Structure formats: C-alpha cells, structure tokens
C-alpha cells in the first residue's frame, strides 16, 4: 500500500499527544527529547506548546490515517529551528516524507529559513538533512546539546547545524503534485 501523506497543524491537545504516544511505543522518546534524562508527556507537551512552537503531524491516508511522523518548529522572527521524528514503518520513505514536510512548513507558516540543530553524534541525520536540501555547516557548537544521563546529569554533546532557505528549497526540489 502506498503512502499518501497529509499534514495537519497540531492545534488540539489530542493531536499534540499523538506523536508522544507513537514515540513511547517505539522507544524513541529519549532519542528525540535528548535534552531530558527521563522524558515525560509533560516535557513533550511543554516542548510543543502552541504558545511558542509550531507543530505538525504527518498522517498517512494510505494507511488509515496512521501517524507517520511529526515536526515542530521553534520560530525566531521569520526563521525557525526545525525538528522531525519519522516513525519506524515510514523510515524507508523518509526523504519523500521529509521533503513533503518541509514543503508543508513553508506553505503553512511565513518562514524564510529553517535551521536544524541536533547532536553532532546523530550521524544518521547528516545524509537526511543533505537529501532535504539543508546546507550542513562544518562548524560544531562545543557542548551545546544538553544530553543528561542517569549517572551524568551534566553531560553535554557537540551540536551540529544545517540551514535551509525557502528560496533554495523551492529552486532545488520539484513541486509536489498537490
């Protein structure tokens, strides 16, 4: 069955909880909420609070509306720091899902650029960011990612950065058929 993605603004408590429940089921909460030693639903809801975060959910209408992924953007003026989670059953289609997510972000909110900021040790994100058209920065912010652990609450890791300008995304990625 082919995937047909539909993105919706997570503008209700139920929609904001859906990604958390899927992250919990797949054991991803600690990886996604890397700045919390023991992430809770409360941590997630604080992160995606509509008072400071733009949040979207990717539903797969080809699979009865299952949650395929989520995105959240922390805006700063007309730019924002973007974060993604793509769930297990959709990882093989992550580039298409990611491109559709970025296209939806730029179409939905008046943003001019997206910054990806993530632990530099998350090496799996480098090819993904590149495939989405992000420019990976060679610089690292030393110890900028708080990644507390049970036995090391002060642990920090280097942060990697990547930038995607709306005009560059539109000129490098073909428009969708929607």
C-alpha atoms as a PDB file:
ATOM      1  CA  UNK A   1       0.000   0.000   0.000  1.00  0.00           C
ATOM      2  CA  UNK A   2       1.491   3.337  -0.997  1.00  0.00           C
ATOM      3  CA  UNK A   3       1.760   6.189   1.430  1.00  0.00           C
ATOM      4  CA  UNK A   4      -0.335   9.305   0.961  1.00  0.00           C
ATOM      5  CA  UNK A   5       0.817  11.934   3.425  1.00  0.00           C
ATOM      6  CA  UNK A   6      -1.447  14.595   4.831  1.00  0.00           C
ATOM      7  CA  UNK A   7      -0.025  17.169   7.205  1.00  0.00           C
ATOM      8  CA  UNK A   8      -2.129  18.876   9.839  1.00  0.00           C
ATOM      9  CA  UNK A   9      -1.371  21.583  12.347  1.00  0.00           C
ATOM     10  CA  UNK A  10      -1.348  20.007  15.807  1.00  0.00           C
ATOM     11  CA  UNK A  11      -3.785  22.550  17.175  1.00  0.00           C
ATOM     12  CA  UNK A  12      -5.524  20.345  19.738  1.00  0.00           C
ATOM     13  CA  UNK A  13      -4.206  18.522  22.803  1.00  0.00           C
ATOM     14  CA  UNK A  14      -5.125  15.196  21.143  1.00  0.00           C
ATOM     15  CA  UNK A  15      -3.074  15.958  18.019  1.00  0.00           C
ATOM     16  CA  UNK A  16      -0.102  17.094  20.127  1.00  0.00           C
ATOM     17  CA  UNK A  17      -0.225  13.850  22.168  1.00  0.00           C
ATOM     18  CA  UNK A  18      -0.325  11.545  19.113  1.00  0.00           C
ATOM     19  CA  UNK A  19       3.426  11.764  18.330  1.00  0.00           C
ATOM     20  CA  UNK A  20       4.301  11.229  22.002  1.00  0.00           C
ATOM     21  CA  UNK A  21       2.268   8.031  22.145  1.00  0.00           C
ATOM     22  CA  UNK A  22       3.959   6.734  18.983  1.00  0.00           C
ATOM     23  CA  UNK A  23       7.430   7.723  20.265  1.00  0.00           C
ATOM     24  CA  UNK A  24       6.728   5.888  23.512  1.00  0.00           C
ATOM     25  CA  UNK A  25       5.526   2.784  21.641  1.00  0.00           C
ATOM     26  CA  UNK A  26       8.691   2.757  19.500  1.00  0.00           C
ATOM     27  CA  UNK A  27      11.105   3.579  22.339  1.00  0.00           C
ATOM     28  CA  UNK A  28      12.136   6.904  20.774  1.00  0.00           C
ATOM     29  CA  UNK A  29      11.340   9.419  23.494  1.00  0.00           C
ATOM     30  CA  UNK A  30      14.882   9.573  24.897  1.00  0.00           C
ATOM     31  CA  UNK A  31      16.417   9.899  21.419  1.00  0.00           C
ATOM     32  CA  UNK A  32      14.017  12.622  20.282  1.00  0.00           C
ATOM     33  CA  UNK A  33      13.916  14.553  23.560  1.00  0.00           C
ATOM     34  CA  UNK A  34      17.673  14.279  24.005  1.00  0.00           C
ATOM     35  CA  UNK A  35      17.786  17.199  26.440  1.00  0.00           C
ATOM     36  CA  UNK A  36      15.810  15.241  29.088  1.00  0.00           C
ATOM     37  CA  UNK A  37      17.240  12.348  31.100  1.00  0.00           C
ATOM     38  CA  UNK A  38      13.793  10.777  31.516  1.00  0.00           C
ATOM     39  CA  UNK A  39      11.336  12.484  29.154  1.00  0.00           C
ATOM     40  CA  UNK A  40       7.707  12.589  30.195  1.00  0.00           C
ATOM     41  CA  UNK A  41       4.484  13.527  28.466  1.00  0.00           C
ATOM     42  CA  UNK A  42       4.689  16.822  30.341  1.00  0.00           C
ATOM     43  CA  UNK A  43       8.152  17.522  28.801  1.00  0.00           C
ATOM     44  CA  UNK A  44       6.742  16.813  25.343  1.00  0.00           C
ATOM     45  CA  UNK A  45       3.674  18.997  25.824  1.00  0.00           C
ATOM     46  CA  UNK A  46       5.868  21.842  27.114  1.00  0.00           C
ATOM     47  CA  UNK A  47       8.093  21.484  24.042  1.00  0.00           C
ATOM     48  CA  UNK A  48       5.186  21.605  21.583  1.00  0.00           C
ATOM     49  CA  UNK A  49       3.171  24.241  23.433  1.00  0.00           C
ATOM     50  CA  UNK A  50       1.303  26.318  20.845  1.00  0.00           C
ATOM     51  CA  UNK A  51       2.358  29.457  22.728  1.00  0.00           C
ATOM     52  CA  UNK A  52       5.914  29.059  21.403  1.00  0.00           C
ATOM     53  CA  UNK A  53       6.092  26.156  18.949  1.00  0.00           C
ATOM     54  CA  UNK A  54       4.590  25.412  15.531  1.00  0.00           C
ATOM     55  CA  UNK A  55       3.749  21.704  15.441  1.00  0.00           C
ATOM     56  CA  UNK A  56       2.530  19.460  12.656  1.00  0.00           C
ATOM     57  CA  UNK A  57       1.615  15.802  12.374  1.00  0.00           C
ATOM     58  CA  UNK A  58       2.081  13.701   9.237  1.00  0.00           C
ATOM     59  CA  UNK A  59      -0.793  11.286   8.733  1.00  0.00           C
ATOM     60  CA  UNK A  60      -0.663   8.512   6.157  1.00  0.00           C
ATOM     61  CA  UNK A  61      -4.055   8.358   4.498  1.00  0.00           C
ATOM     62  CA  UNK A  62      -2.857   5.315   2.544  1.00  0.00           C
ATOM     63  CA  UNK A  63      -2.672   3.504   5.898  1.00  0.00           C
ATOM     64  CA  UNK A  64      -5.932   4.545   7.538  1.00  0.00           C
ATOM     65  CA  UNK A  65      -4.540   7.846   8.811  1.00  0.00           C
ATOM     66  CA  UNK A  66      -1.723   6.328  10.869  1.00  0.00           C
ATOM     67  CA  UNK A  67       0.811   8.791  12.318  1.00  0.00           C
ATOM     68  CA  UNK A  68       3.871   8.623  10.054  1.00  0.00           C
ATOM     69  CA  UNK A  69       5.820  11.419  11.721  1.00  0.00           C
ATOM     70  CA  UNK A  70       5.765  14.816  13.339  1.00  0.00           C
ATOM     71  CA  UNK A  71       7.605  18.105  13.086  1.00  0.00           C
ATOM     72  CA  UNK A  72       7.946  21.085  15.333  1.00  0.00           C
ATOM     73  CA  UNK A  73       9.450  24.482  14.692  1.00  0.00           C
ATOM     74  CA  UNK A  74      10.655  26.950  17.304  1.00  0.00           C
ATOM     75  CA  UNK A  75      10.196  30.261  15.473  1.00  0.00           C
ATOM     76  CA  UNK A  76      12.539  33.208  15.690  1.00  0.00           C
ATOM     77  CA  UNK A  77      11.292  36.058  13.542  1.00  0.00           C
ATOM     78  CA  UNK A  78      10.747  34.619  10.062  1.00  0.00           C
ATOM     79  CA  UNK A  79      13.091  31.693  10.665  1.00  0.00           C
ATOM     80  CA  UNK A  80      12.789  28.689  12.906  1.00  0.00           C
ATOM     81  CA  UNK A  81      14.631  25.735  14.341  1.00  0.00           C
ATOM     82  CA  UNK A  82      13.022  22.586  12.989  1.00  0.00           C
ATOM     83  CA  UNK A  83      12.871  19.090  14.434  1.00  0.00           C
ATOM     84  CA  UNK A  84      11.462  15.907  12.907  1.00  0.00           C
ATOM     85  CA  UNK A  85      10.540  12.421  14.018  1.00  0.00           C
ATOM     86  CA  UNK A  86       9.716   9.747  11.444  1.00  0.00           C
ATOM     87  CA  UNK A  87       8.280   6.513  12.738  1.00  0.00           C
ATOM     88  CA  UNK A  88       9.606   3.040  12.018  1.00  0.00           C
ATOM     89  CA  UNK A  89       7.149   1.956   9.314  1.00  0.00           C
ATOM     90  CA  UNK A  90       7.926   5.067   7.245  1.00  0.00           C
ATOM     91  CA  UNK A  91      11.718   5.256   7.549  1.00  0.00           C
ATOM     92  CA  UNK A  92      12.282   3.759   4.100  1.00  0.00           C
ATOM     93  CA  UNK A  93      10.313   6.709   2.689  1.00  0.00           C
ATOM     94  CA  UNK A  94      11.958   9.289   4.963  1.00  0.00           C
ATOM     95  CA  UNK A  95      13.316  11.528   2.197  1.00  0.00           C
ATOM     96  CA  UNK A  96       9.950  11.883   0.439  1.00  0.00           C
ATOM     97  CA  UNK A  97       8.190  12.349   3.784  1.00  0.00           C
ATOM     98  CA  UNK A  98      10.819  14.892   4.866  1.00  0.00           C
ATOM     99  CA  UNK A  99      10.587  16.877   1.632  1.00  0.00           C
ATOM    100  CA  UNK A 100       6.810  16.942   1.846  1.00  0.00           C
ATOM    101  CA  UNK A 101       7.101  18.087   5.464  1.00  0.00           C
ATOM    102  CA  UNK A 102       9.446  20.950   4.542  1.00  0.00           C
ATOM    103  CA  UNK A 103       7.218  21.959   1.638  1.00  0.00           C
ATOM    104  CA  UNK A 104       4.234  21.940   4.013  1.00  0.00           C
ATOM    105  CA  UNK A 105       6.104  24.012   6.622  1.00  0.00           C
ATOM    106  CA  UNK A 106       6.972  26.713   4.093  1.00  0.00           C
ATOM    107  CA  UNK A 107       3.436  26.700   2.681  1.00  0.00           C
ATOM    108  CA  UNK A 108       1.760  26.791   6.119  1.00  0.00           C
ATOM    109  CA  UNK A 109       3.837  29.333   8.041  1.00  0.00           C
ATOM    110  CA  UNK A 110       5.531  32.560   6.865  1.00  0.00           C
ATOM    111  CA  UNK A 111       9.079  31.304   7.373  1.00  0.00           C
ATOM    112  CA  UNK A 112      12.061  32.199   5.231  1.00  0.00           C
ATOM    113  CA  UNK A 113      14.514  29.604   6.534  1.00  0.00           C
ATOM    114  CA  UNK A 114      14.794  26.551   8.741  1.00  0.00           C
ATOM    115  CA  UNK A 115      17.708  25.711  10.997  1.00  0.00           C
ATOM    116  CA  UNK A 116      18.305  22.124  12.052  1.00  0.00           C
ATOM    117  CA  UNK A 117      20.196  21.894  15.350  1.00  0.00           C
ATOM    118  CA  UNK A 118      20.957  18.388  16.590  1.00  0.00           C
ATOM    119  CA  UNK A 119      23.565  16.373  18.471  1.00  0.00           C
ATOM    120  CA  UNK A 120      26.595  16.008  16.194  1.00  0.00           C
ATOM    121  CA  UNK A 121      26.806  12.340  17.220  1.00  0.00           C
ATOM    122  CA  UNK A 122      23.467  11.679  15.435  1.00  0.00           C
ATOM    123  CA  UNK A 123      25.361  10.772  12.260  1.00  0.00           C
ATOM    124  CA  UNK A 124      22.246   9.289  10.629  1.00  0.00           C
ATOM    125  CA  UNK A 125      20.868  12.829  10.270  1.00  0.00           C
ATOM    126  CA  UNK A 126      23.657  14.117   8.014  1.00  0.00           C
ATOM    127  CA  UNK A 127      22.551  12.322   4.824  1.00  0.00           C
ATOM    128  CA  UNK A 128      18.895  13.013   5.649  1.00  0.00           C
ATOM    129  CA  UNK A 129      19.489  16.756   6.047  1.00  0.00           C
ATOM    130  CA  UNK A 130      21.533  16.788   2.851  1.00  0.00           C
ATOM    131  CA  UNK A 131      18.776  14.949   0.932  1.00  0.00           C
ATOM    132  CA  UNK A 132      16.245  17.547   2.095  1.00  0.00           C
ATOM    133  CA  UNK A 133      18.440  20.349   0.757  1.00  0.00           C
ATOM    134  CA  UNK A 134      19.835  21.634   4.049  1.00  0.00           C
ATOM    135  CA  UNK A 135      23.327  23.109   3.915  1.00  0.00           C
ATOM    136  CA  UNK A 136      25.350  21.299   6.580  1.00  0.00           C
ATOM    137  CA  UNK A 137      27.672  23.649   8.423  1.00  0.00           C
ATOM    138  CA  UNK A 138      31.208  22.435   9.071  1.00  0.00           C
ATOM    139  CA  UNK A 139      31.279  24.181  12.448  1.00  0.00           C
ATOM    140  CA  UNK A 140      30.118  22.483  15.625  1.00  0.00           C
ATOM    141  CA  UNK A 141      28.952  24.237  18.768  1.00  0.00           C
ATOM    142  CA  UNK A 142      31.034  22.619  21.504  1.00  0.00           C
ATOM    143  CA  UNK A 143      28.958  21.020  24.252  1.00  0.00           C
ATOM    144  CA  UNK A 144      25.802  22.915  23.172  1.00  0.00           C
ATOM    145  CA  UNK A 145      23.445  19.910  23.433  1.00  0.00           C
ATOM    146  CA  UNK A 146      22.483  19.090  26.992  1.00  0.00           C
ATOM    147  CA  UNK A 147      22.108  15.294  26.998  1.00  0.00           C
ATOM    148  CA  UNK A 148      21.740  14.412  30.668  1.00  0.00           C
ATOM    149  CA  UNK A 149      22.108  10.768  31.608  1.00  0.00           C
ATOM    150  CA  UNK A 150      21.073   8.961  34.761  1.00  0.00           C
ATOM    151  CA  UNK A 151      24.643   8.835  36.096  1.00  0.00           C
ATOM    152  CA  UNK A 152      25.835  12.046  34.406  1.00  0.00           C
ATOM    153  CA  UNK A 153      23.172  14.779  34.622  1.00  0.00           C
ATOM    154  CA  UNK A 154      25.597  17.456  33.361  1.00  0.00           C
ATOM    155  CA  UNK A 155      26.563  15.561  30.183  1.00  0.00           C
ATOM    156  CA  UNK A 156      26.641  17.699  27.033  1.00  0.00           C
ATOM    157  CA  UNK A 157      27.491  16.893  23.402  1.00  0.00           C
ATOM    158  CA  UNK A 158      28.528  18.985  20.441  1.00  0.00           C
ATOM    159  CA  UNK A 159      25.749  20.444  18.301  1.00  0.00           C
ATOM    160  CA  UNK A 160      25.618  20.167  14.510  1.00  0.00           C
ATOM    161  CA  UNK A 161      23.817  22.775  12.428  1.00  0.00           C
ATOM    162  CA  UNK A 162      22.234  22.824   8.986  1.00  0.00           C
ATOM    163  CA  UNK A 163      20.335  25.596   7.203  1.00  0.00           C
ATOM    164  CA  UNK A 164      17.636  25.521   4.547  1.00  0.00           C
ATOM    165  CA  UNK A 165      16.460  28.754   2.978  1.00  0.00           C
ATOM    166  CA  UNK A 166      12.983  28.736   1.451  1.00  0.00           C
ATOM    167  CA  UNK A 167      14.202  30.152  -1.853  1.00  0.00           C
ATOM    168  CA  UNK A 168      16.901  27.465  -2.119  1.00  0.00           C
ATOM    169  CA  UNK A 169      14.437  24.680  -1.280  1.00  0.00           C
ATOM    170  CA  UNK A 170      11.985  25.881  -3.921  1.00  0.00           C
ATOM    171  CA  UNK A 171      14.712  26.045  -6.559  1.00  0.00           C
ATOM    172  CA  UNK A 172      16.166  22.581  -5.848  1.00  0.00           C
ATOM    173  CA  UNK A 173      13.121  20.424  -5.083  1.00  0.00           C
ATOM    174  CA  UNK A 174      10.394  19.853  -7.624  1.00  0.00           C
ATOM    175  CA  UNK A 175       6.949  20.994  -6.508  1.00  0.00           C
ATOM    176  CA  UNK A 176       4.520  18.382  -5.289  1.00  0.00           C
ATOM    177  CA  UNK A 177       1.511  17.284  -7.287  1.00  0.00           C
ATOM    178  CA  UNK A 178      -0.944  18.500  -4.611  1.00  0.00           C
END
